[in-house]
Amino acid sequence: METTSRVGAQAPAAEGGQQVPSARRTVDGYLLAPFPWYGLDEAFTGPRWLMQVGTSADGAVEHGSIGHGDEPTVRGESTEDKERFAVVVTVAASPVRRSADGTGLLEATSVSSAAWLAGVGLLSFTWPGQMDHARRDDWLDQQTETAWVLADDLDGQDWSTLSLPVDGVPTTFHYRESEFGWVLAGSTQEGVHVGAYGRGMSAYGLGFAMIKDIATYA
């Protein structure tokens, strides 16, 4: 899946990885999406917050993320086992199509797209202990490539399956976990793929639901 820019993006992390408060983020990019957004269902009663949206090469909003629970920092030894969060990634289901300017083709999206975005999302909040900035950058490049390979092989041994409700309907998700957290991905009946990642919150008790009014998150 080709993604070239972000709209209504999450502000850059401050010193030490602390994120800018969600009140300062914009809902504008989310409102431009021609597809429904998903988050955790009403069983989750904690904080919810906007993160970022991504656009395809022709400028259309193609995916975005909604956070739940604690707003994560880049994980270091001092934050281990303290943060409890889950991030839901919504990806528009799109076929291979011609770009708006007619100069090329845009890649199709799939469950693998959601799995890769979720995997990279988890990595963005992960910083293994005893790594300086340069080593962490190298590690992140390597792990991002690994996340792509894993997402391209959802039937491989690194993934298991679990059934979670989506709009009340039992839905099969591909699931994997590591020392840094968990990642899952599946599809809905509303023309979107859903990915998620988290730490400190069990994925097994989660449910997903369409967000009725994304503007309430602003």
Protein backbone atom coordinates (compact mmCIF):
# COMPACT_ATOMS: atom_id res chain seq x y z
CA MET A 1 0.00 0.00 0.00
CA GLU A 2 1.44 3.30 -1.09
CA THR A 3 1.17 6.15 1.42
CA THR A 4 2.83 9.45 0.73
CA SER A 5 1.54 11.97 3.24
CA ARG A 6 -0.40 12.53 6.44
CA VAL A 7 -3.37 14.80 7.03
CA GLY A 8 -4.30 15.99 10.50
CA ALA A 9 -1.17 14.26 11.64
CA GLN A 10 -0.07 13.64 15.17
CA ALA A 11 2.40 16.30 16.23
CA PRO A 12 6.04 15.25 16.58
CA ALA A 13 7.02 13.66 19.85
CA ALA A 14 8.54 15.93 22.44
CA GLU A 15 11.79 15.25 24.27
CA GLY A 16 11.77 11.71 25.62
CA GLY A 17 8.97 10.62 23.31
CA GLN A 18 6.06 12.25 25.15
CA GLN A 19 3.21 12.93 22.74
CA VAL A 20 1.46 16.27 22.38
CA PRO A 21 -1.96 16.22 24.13
CA SER A 22 -4.79 14.99 21.94
CA ALA A 23 -6.75 18.23 22.36
CA ARG A 24 -4.21 19.85 20.03
CA ARG A 25 -4.79 17.36 17.23
CA THR A 26 -7.20 17.99 14.39
CA VAL A 27 -10.17 15.98 13.23
CA ASP A 28 -10.14 17.55 9.75
CA GLY A 29 -8.34 14.70 8.02
CA TYR A 30 -10.66 12.12 9.54
CA LEU A 31 -13.71 14.02 8.28
CA LEU A 32 -12.37 13.81 4.71
CA ALA A 33 -12.42 10.01 4.70
CA PRO A 34 -15.10 8.40 2.49
CA PHE A 35 -15.18 5.33 4.75
CA PRO A 36 -16.24 4.68 8.37
CA TRP A 37 -13.76 4.81 11.24
CA TYR A 38 -13.48 2.05 13.81
CA GLY A 39 -12.50 2.04 17.47
CA LEU A 40 -12.98 -0.15 20.50
CA ASP A 41 -16.62 -0.82 21.32
CA GLU A 42 -18.58 0.60 24.25
CA ALA A 43 -17.19 -2.01 26.65
CA PHE A 44 -14.06 0.16 26.77
CA THR A 45 -14.79 3.16 28.98
CA GLY A 46 -11.35 4.79 29.14
CA PRO A 47 -9.87 7.74 27.22
CA ARG A 48 -10.01 7.84 23.42
CA TRP A 49 -7.88 10.13 21.24
CA LEU A 50 -7.05 10.97 17.65
CA MET A 51 -3.66 10.04 16.24
CA GLN A 52 -3.07 10.48 12.50
CA VAL A 53 -4.43 9.76 9.05
CA GLY A 54 -2.53 8.79 5.92
CA THR A 55 -3.24 9.54 2.29
CA SER A 56 -2.58 7.70 -0.94
CA ALA A 57 -0.51 9.11 -3.79
CA ASP A 58 -3.58 10.83 -5.25
CA GLY A 59 -4.33 12.63 -1.98
CA ALA A 60 -7.29 10.54 -0.81
CA VAL A 61 -7.49 9.67 2.89
CA GLU A 62 -6.73 5.96 3.00
CA HIS A 63 -6.15 5.02 6.63
CA GLY A 64 -5.94 6.40 10.14
CA SER A 65 -5.56 5.54 13.82
CA ILE A 66 -7.56 6.04 17.01
CA GLY A 67 -5.91 5.56 20.41
CA HIS A 68 -7.46 4.12 23.57
CA GLY A 69 -6.17 4.16 27.15
CA ASP A 70 -2.86 5.71 28.12
CA GLU A 71 -1.21 7.87 25.46
CA PRO A 72 2.00 5.89 24.85
CA THR A 73 5.52 7.18 24.94
CA VAL A 74 8.40 5.54 23.11
CA ARG A 75 8.99 2.55 25.31
CA GLY A 76 12.13 2.56 27.40
CA GLU A 77 13.00 0.64 30.51
CA SER A 78 11.33 3.30 32.67
CA THR A 79 7.95 2.80 30.98
CA GLU A 80 7.96 -0.99 30.89
CA ASP A 81 4.71 -2.54 32.13
CA LYS A 82 3.27 0.86 33.06
CA GLU A 83 1.38 1.86 29.93
CA ARG A 84 -1.96 0.32 28.97
CA PHE A 85 -3.11 1.24 25.49
CA ALA A 86 -4.67 -0.09 22.31
CA VAL A 87 -4.61 1.67 18.95
CA VAL A 88 -7.15 0.81 16.25
CA VAL A 89 -6.12 1.34 12.61
CA THR A 90 -8.84 1.66 9.95
CA VAL A 91 -7.81 1.03 6.32
CA ALA A 92 -10.11 1.62 3.35
CA ALA A 93 -10.56 -1.53 1.27
CA SER A 94 -9.46 -0.45 -2.20
CA PRO A 95 -8.70 -2.37 -5.41
CA VAL A 96 -5.81 -1.63 -7.73
CA ARG A 97 -6.83 1.65 -9.37
CA ARG A 98 -5.52 4.41 -11.60
CA SER A 99 -4.22 7.55 -9.90
CA ALA A 100 -6.29 10.73 -10.13
CA ASP A 101 -3.88 12.28 -12.63
CA GLY A 102 -3.91 9.15 -14.78
CA THR A 103 -0.14 8.72 -14.66
CA GLY A 104 0.03 5.42 -12.80
CA LEU A 105 -1.64 2.77 -10.67
CA LEU A 106 -2.27 2.78 -6.92
CA GLU A 107 -1.77 -0.46 -5.05
CA ALA A 108 -4.70 -2.37 -3.61
CA THR A 109 -5.21 -2.47 0.14
CA SER A 110 -5.86 -5.66 2.08
CA VAL A 111 -5.80 -7.17 5.55
CA SER A 112 -2.02 -7.28 5.12
CA SER A 113 -2.05 -3.48 4.77
CA ALA A 114 -3.75 -3.20 8.16
CA ALA A 115 -1.35 -5.73 9.69
CA TRP A 116 1.69 -3.82 8.42
CA LEU A 117 0.43 -0.43 9.59
CA ALA A 118 -0.35 -1.88 13.01
CA GLY A 119 3.06 -3.54 13.22
CA VAL A 120 4.87 -0.34 12.31
CA GLY A 121 2.68 1.59 14.74
CA LEU A 122 3.77 -0.61 17.62
CA LEU A 123 7.41 -0.25 16.61
CA SER A 124 7.09 3.54 16.64
CA PHE A 125 6.46 3.39 20.40
CA THR A 126 9.21 0.87 21.10
CA TRP A 127 12.78 1.62 22.14
CA PRO A 128 14.75 -1.40 23.39
CA GLY A 129 16.91 -0.72 26.42
CA GLN A 130 20.58 0.23 26.07
CA MET A 131 20.16 1.59 22.53
CA ASP A 132 21.33 5.04 21.51
CA HIS A 133 19.56 7.01 18.77
CA ALA A 134 21.70 5.68 15.91
CA ARG A 135 21.34 2.04 16.94
CA ARG A 136 17.62 2.48 17.48
CA ASP A 137 17.23 3.95 13.98
CA ASP A 138 19.02 0.93 12.50
CA TRP A 139 16.91 -1.42 14.61
CA LEU A 140 13.72 0.36 13.55
CA ASP A 141 14.61 0.05 9.85
CA GLN A 142 15.26 -3.66 10.27
CA GLN A 143 12.10 -4.28 12.29
CA THR A 144 9.97 -2.29 9.85
CA GLU A 145 11.13 -4.57 7.05
CA THR A 146 10.37 -7.58 9.24
CA ALA A 147 6.87 -6.22 9.92
CA TRP A 148 6.32 -6.00 6.16
CA VAL A 149 7.44 -9.59 5.62
CA LEU A 150 5.22 -10.82 8.46
CA ALA A 151 2.20 -8.88 7.18
CA ASP A 152 2.67 -10.42 3.75
CA ASP A 153 2.36 -13.94 5.20
CA LEU A 154 -0.69 -13.87 7.48
CA ASP A 155 -1.09 -17.63 7.15
CA GLY A 156 2.46 -18.23 8.36
CA GLN A 157 3.51 -19.73 11.67
CA ASP A 158 4.14 -16.33 13.25
CA TRP A 159 0.40 -15.64 13.28
CA SER A 160 -2.47 -17.28 15.10
CA THR A 161 -6.19 -16.50 14.79
CA LEU A 162 -8.76 -15.31 17.28
CA SER A 163 -12.40 -14.31 17.02
CA LEU A 164 -13.40 -10.84 18.23
CA PRO A 165 -16.69 -8.96 17.79
CA VAL A 166 -16.90 -6.24 15.14
CA ASP A 167 -20.20 -4.36 15.35
CA GLY A 168 -21.39 -7.33 17.39
CA VAL A 169 -20.50 -9.89 14.71
CA PRO A 170 -17.82 -12.51 15.53
CA THR A 171 -14.91 -11.83 13.19
CA THR A 172 -11.67 -13.71 12.59
CA PHE A 173 -8.45 -11.77 13.15
CA HIS A 174 -4.83 -12.64 12.50
CA TYR A 175 -2.86 -12.13 15.72
CA ARG A 176 0.76 -12.11 16.81
CA GLU A 177 2.59 -10.92 19.90
CA SER A 178 6.15 -10.15 20.93
CA GLU A 179 8.01 -8.81 23.92
CA PHE A 180 6.99 -5.31 22.81
CA GLY A 181 3.23 -5.88 22.53
CA TRP A 182 0.67 -7.41 20.19
CA VAL A 183 -0.65 -6.81 16.66
CA LEU A 184 -3.84 -8.02 14.98
CA ALA A 185 -5.68 -7.47 11.70
CA GLY A 186 -8.96 -8.45 10.06
CA SER A 187 -11.77 -7.17 7.83
CA THR A 188 -15.23 -5.75 8.49
CA GLN A 189 -18.52 -5.93 6.62
CA GLU A 190 -18.37 -2.16 6.02
CA GLY A 191 -15.67 -2.07 3.36
CA VAL A 192 -12.69 -1.44 5.61
CA HIS A 193 -9.88 -3.47 7.12
CA VAL A 194 -9.11 -3.10 10.82
CA GLY A 195 -5.72 -3.45 12.42
CA ALA A 196 -4.79 -2.89 16.05
CA TYR A 197 -1.76 -2.89 18.30
CA GLY A 198 -1.25 -2.44 21.99
CA ARG A 199 0.61 -3.05 25.19
CA GLY A 200 -0.58 -3.67 28.73
CA MET A 201 -4.14 -4.46 27.54
CA SER A 202 -5.07 -7.98 26.52
CA ALA A 203 -6.24 -8.28 22.93
CA TYR A 204 -8.43 -11.26 23.77
CA GLY A 205 -11.12 -9.20 25.50
CA LEU A 206 -11.43 -6.47 22.89
CA GLY A 207 -14.34 -5.66 20.62
CA PHE A 208 -14.56 -3.17 17.76
CA ALA A 209 -17.35 -0.89 16.58
CA MET A 210 -17.95 1.76 13.95
CA ILE A 211 -17.51 5.28 15.33
CA LYS A 212 -20.80 7.12 14.86
CA ASP A 213 -19.37 10.64 15.02
CA ILE A 214 -15.60 11.07 14.73
CA ALA A 215 -16.01 14.81 15.43
CA THR A 216 -16.67 14.00 19.09
CA TYR A 217 -13.02 12.93 19.37
CA ALA A 218 -11.76 16.43 18.52
